[in-house]
Amino acid sequence: MSAEPFPWREAMAIGFGVLRLSSREFWALTPRELASAIEGLTGRTSAPMDRERLEELARRFPD
């Protein structure tokens, strides 16, 4: 399985261009907070994340 990079370009475009966040505000957000903000704009598009998906993301994007 090849890991896809996190879509930073899209995340920043929404954070800065649509939500009008400052750099400080954007980089202070957790991924869950950013996802919630995007969901507020677009509506829920999928089912909540299950444990398997969370573990996959943790492997792909360790920090």
C-alpha atoms as a PDB file:
ATOM      1  CA  MET A   1       0.000   0.000   0.000  1.00  0.00           C
ATOM      2  CA  SER A   2       1.465   3.357  -0.976  1.00  0.00           C
ATOM      3  CA  ALA A   3       0.852   6.243   1.368  1.00  0.00           C
ATOM      4  CA  GLU A   4      -0.645   9.373  -0.076  1.00  0.00           C
ATOM      5  CA  PRO A   5       0.664  12.640   1.326  1.00  0.00           C
ATOM      6  CA  PHE A   6      -1.642  14.742   3.469  1.00  0.00           C
ATOM      7  CA  PRO A   7      -3.507  17.218   1.217  1.00  0.00           C
ATOM      8  CA  TRP A   8      -1.904  20.345   2.684  1.00  0.00           C
ATOM      9  CA  ARG A   9      -2.561  22.487  -0.397  1.00  0.00           C
ATOM     10  CA  GLU A  10      -6.306  21.838  -0.190  1.00  0.00           C
ATOM     11  CA  ALA A  11      -6.394  22.221   3.601  1.00  0.00           C
ATOM     12  CA  MET A  12      -4.581  25.564   3.426  1.00  0.00           C
ATOM     13  CA  ALA A  13      -6.764  26.766   0.544  1.00  0.00           C
ATOM     14  CA  ILE A  14      -9.878  26.169   2.623  1.00  0.00           C
ATOM     15  CA  GLY A  15      -8.338  27.468   5.857  1.00  0.00           C
ATOM     16  CA  PHE A  16      -6.911  30.660   4.413  1.00  0.00           C
ATOM     17  CA  GLY A  17      -9.102  31.306   1.389  1.00  0.00           C
ATOM     18  CA  VAL A  18     -12.534  30.168   2.530  1.00  0.00           C
ATOM     19  CA  LEU A  19     -12.436  30.327   6.323  1.00  0.00           C
ATOM     20  CA  ARG A  20     -10.154  33.405   6.251  1.00  0.00           C
ATOM     21  CA  LEU A  21      -8.008  32.093   9.112  1.00  0.00           C
ATOM     22  CA  SER A  22      -4.726  33.733   9.992  1.00  0.00           C
ATOM     23  CA  SER A  23      -1.595  31.587   9.852  1.00  0.00           C
ATOM     24  CA  ARG A  24      -1.581  31.428  13.642  1.00  0.00           C
ATOM     25  CA  GLU A  25      -5.214  30.299  13.773  1.00  0.00           C
ATOM     26  CA  PHE A  26      -4.779  27.724  11.002  1.00  0.00           C
ATOM     27  CA  TRP A  27      -1.657  26.057  12.432  1.00  0.00           C
ATOM     28  CA  ALA A  28      -3.172  26.032  15.942  1.00  0.00           C
ATOM     29  CA  LEU A  29      -6.101  23.882  14.756  1.00  0.00           C
ATOM     30  CA  THR A  30      -6.090  20.170  15.343  1.00  0.00           C
ATOM     31  CA  PRO A  31      -6.964  18.009  12.323  1.00  0.00           C
ATOM     32  CA  ARG A  32     -10.315  17.253  13.944  1.00  0.00           C
ATOM     33  CA  GLU A  33     -11.064  20.968  14.368  1.00  0.00           C
ATOM     34  CA  LEU A  34     -10.156  21.680  10.745  1.00  0.00           C
ATOM     35  CA  ALA A  35     -12.309  18.762   9.588  1.00  0.00           C
ATOM     36  CA  SER A  36     -15.221  20.084  11.658  1.00  0.00           C
ATOM     37  CA  ALA A  37     -14.837  23.557  10.169  1.00  0.00           C
ATOM     38  CA  ILE A  38     -14.799  22.120   6.649  1.00  0.00           C
ATOM     39  CA  GLU A  39     -17.789  19.952   7.486  1.00  0.00           C
ATOM     40  CA  GLY A  40     -19.610  23.082   8.646  1.00  0.00           C
ATOM     41  CA  LEU A  41     -19.122  24.527   5.179  1.00  0.00           C
ATOM     42  CA  THR A  42     -19.794  21.453   3.106  1.00  0.00           C
ATOM     43  CA  GLY A  43     -21.985  19.284   5.300  1.00  0.00           C
ATOM     44  CA  ARG A  44     -21.150  15.776   6.464  1.00  0.00           C
ATOM     45  CA  THR A  45     -20.066  13.706   3.502  1.00  0.00           C
ATOM     46  CA  SER A  46     -19.246  10.362   5.078  1.00  0.00           C
ATOM     47  CA  ALA A  47     -19.766   8.185   8.106  1.00  0.00           C
ATOM     48  CA  PRO A  48     -17.702   8.893  11.226  1.00  0.00           C
ATOM     49  CA  MET A  49     -14.202   7.450  11.191  1.00  0.00           C
ATOM     50  CA  ASP A  50     -13.897   3.945  12.576  1.00  0.00           C
ATOM     51  CA  ARG A  51     -10.931   2.560  14.533  1.00  0.00           C
ATOM     52  CA  GLU A  52      -9.428   0.861  11.454  1.00  0.00           C
ATOM     53  CA  ARG A  53      -9.360   4.150   9.512  1.00  0.00           C
ATOM     54  CA  LEU A  54      -7.908   5.996  12.510  1.00  0.00           C
ATOM     55  CA  GLU A  55      -5.124   3.427  12.857  1.00  0.00           C
ATOM     56  CA  GLU A  56      -4.407   3.628   9.126  1.00  0.00           C
ATOM     57  CA  LEU A  57      -4.087   7.418   9.336  1.00  0.00           C
ATOM     58  CA  ALA A  58      -1.857   7.149  12.414  1.00  0.00           C
ATOM     59  CA  ARG A  59       0.481   4.845  10.469  1.00  0.00           C
ATOM     60  CA  ARG A  60       0.478   7.113   7.424  1.00  0.00           C
ATOM     61  CA  PHE A  61       0.941  10.368   9.352  1.00  0.00           C
ATOM     62  CA  PRO A  62       2.885   9.648  12.537  1.00  0.00           C
ATOM     63  CA  ASP A  63       3.815  12.649  14.639  1.00  0.00           C
END
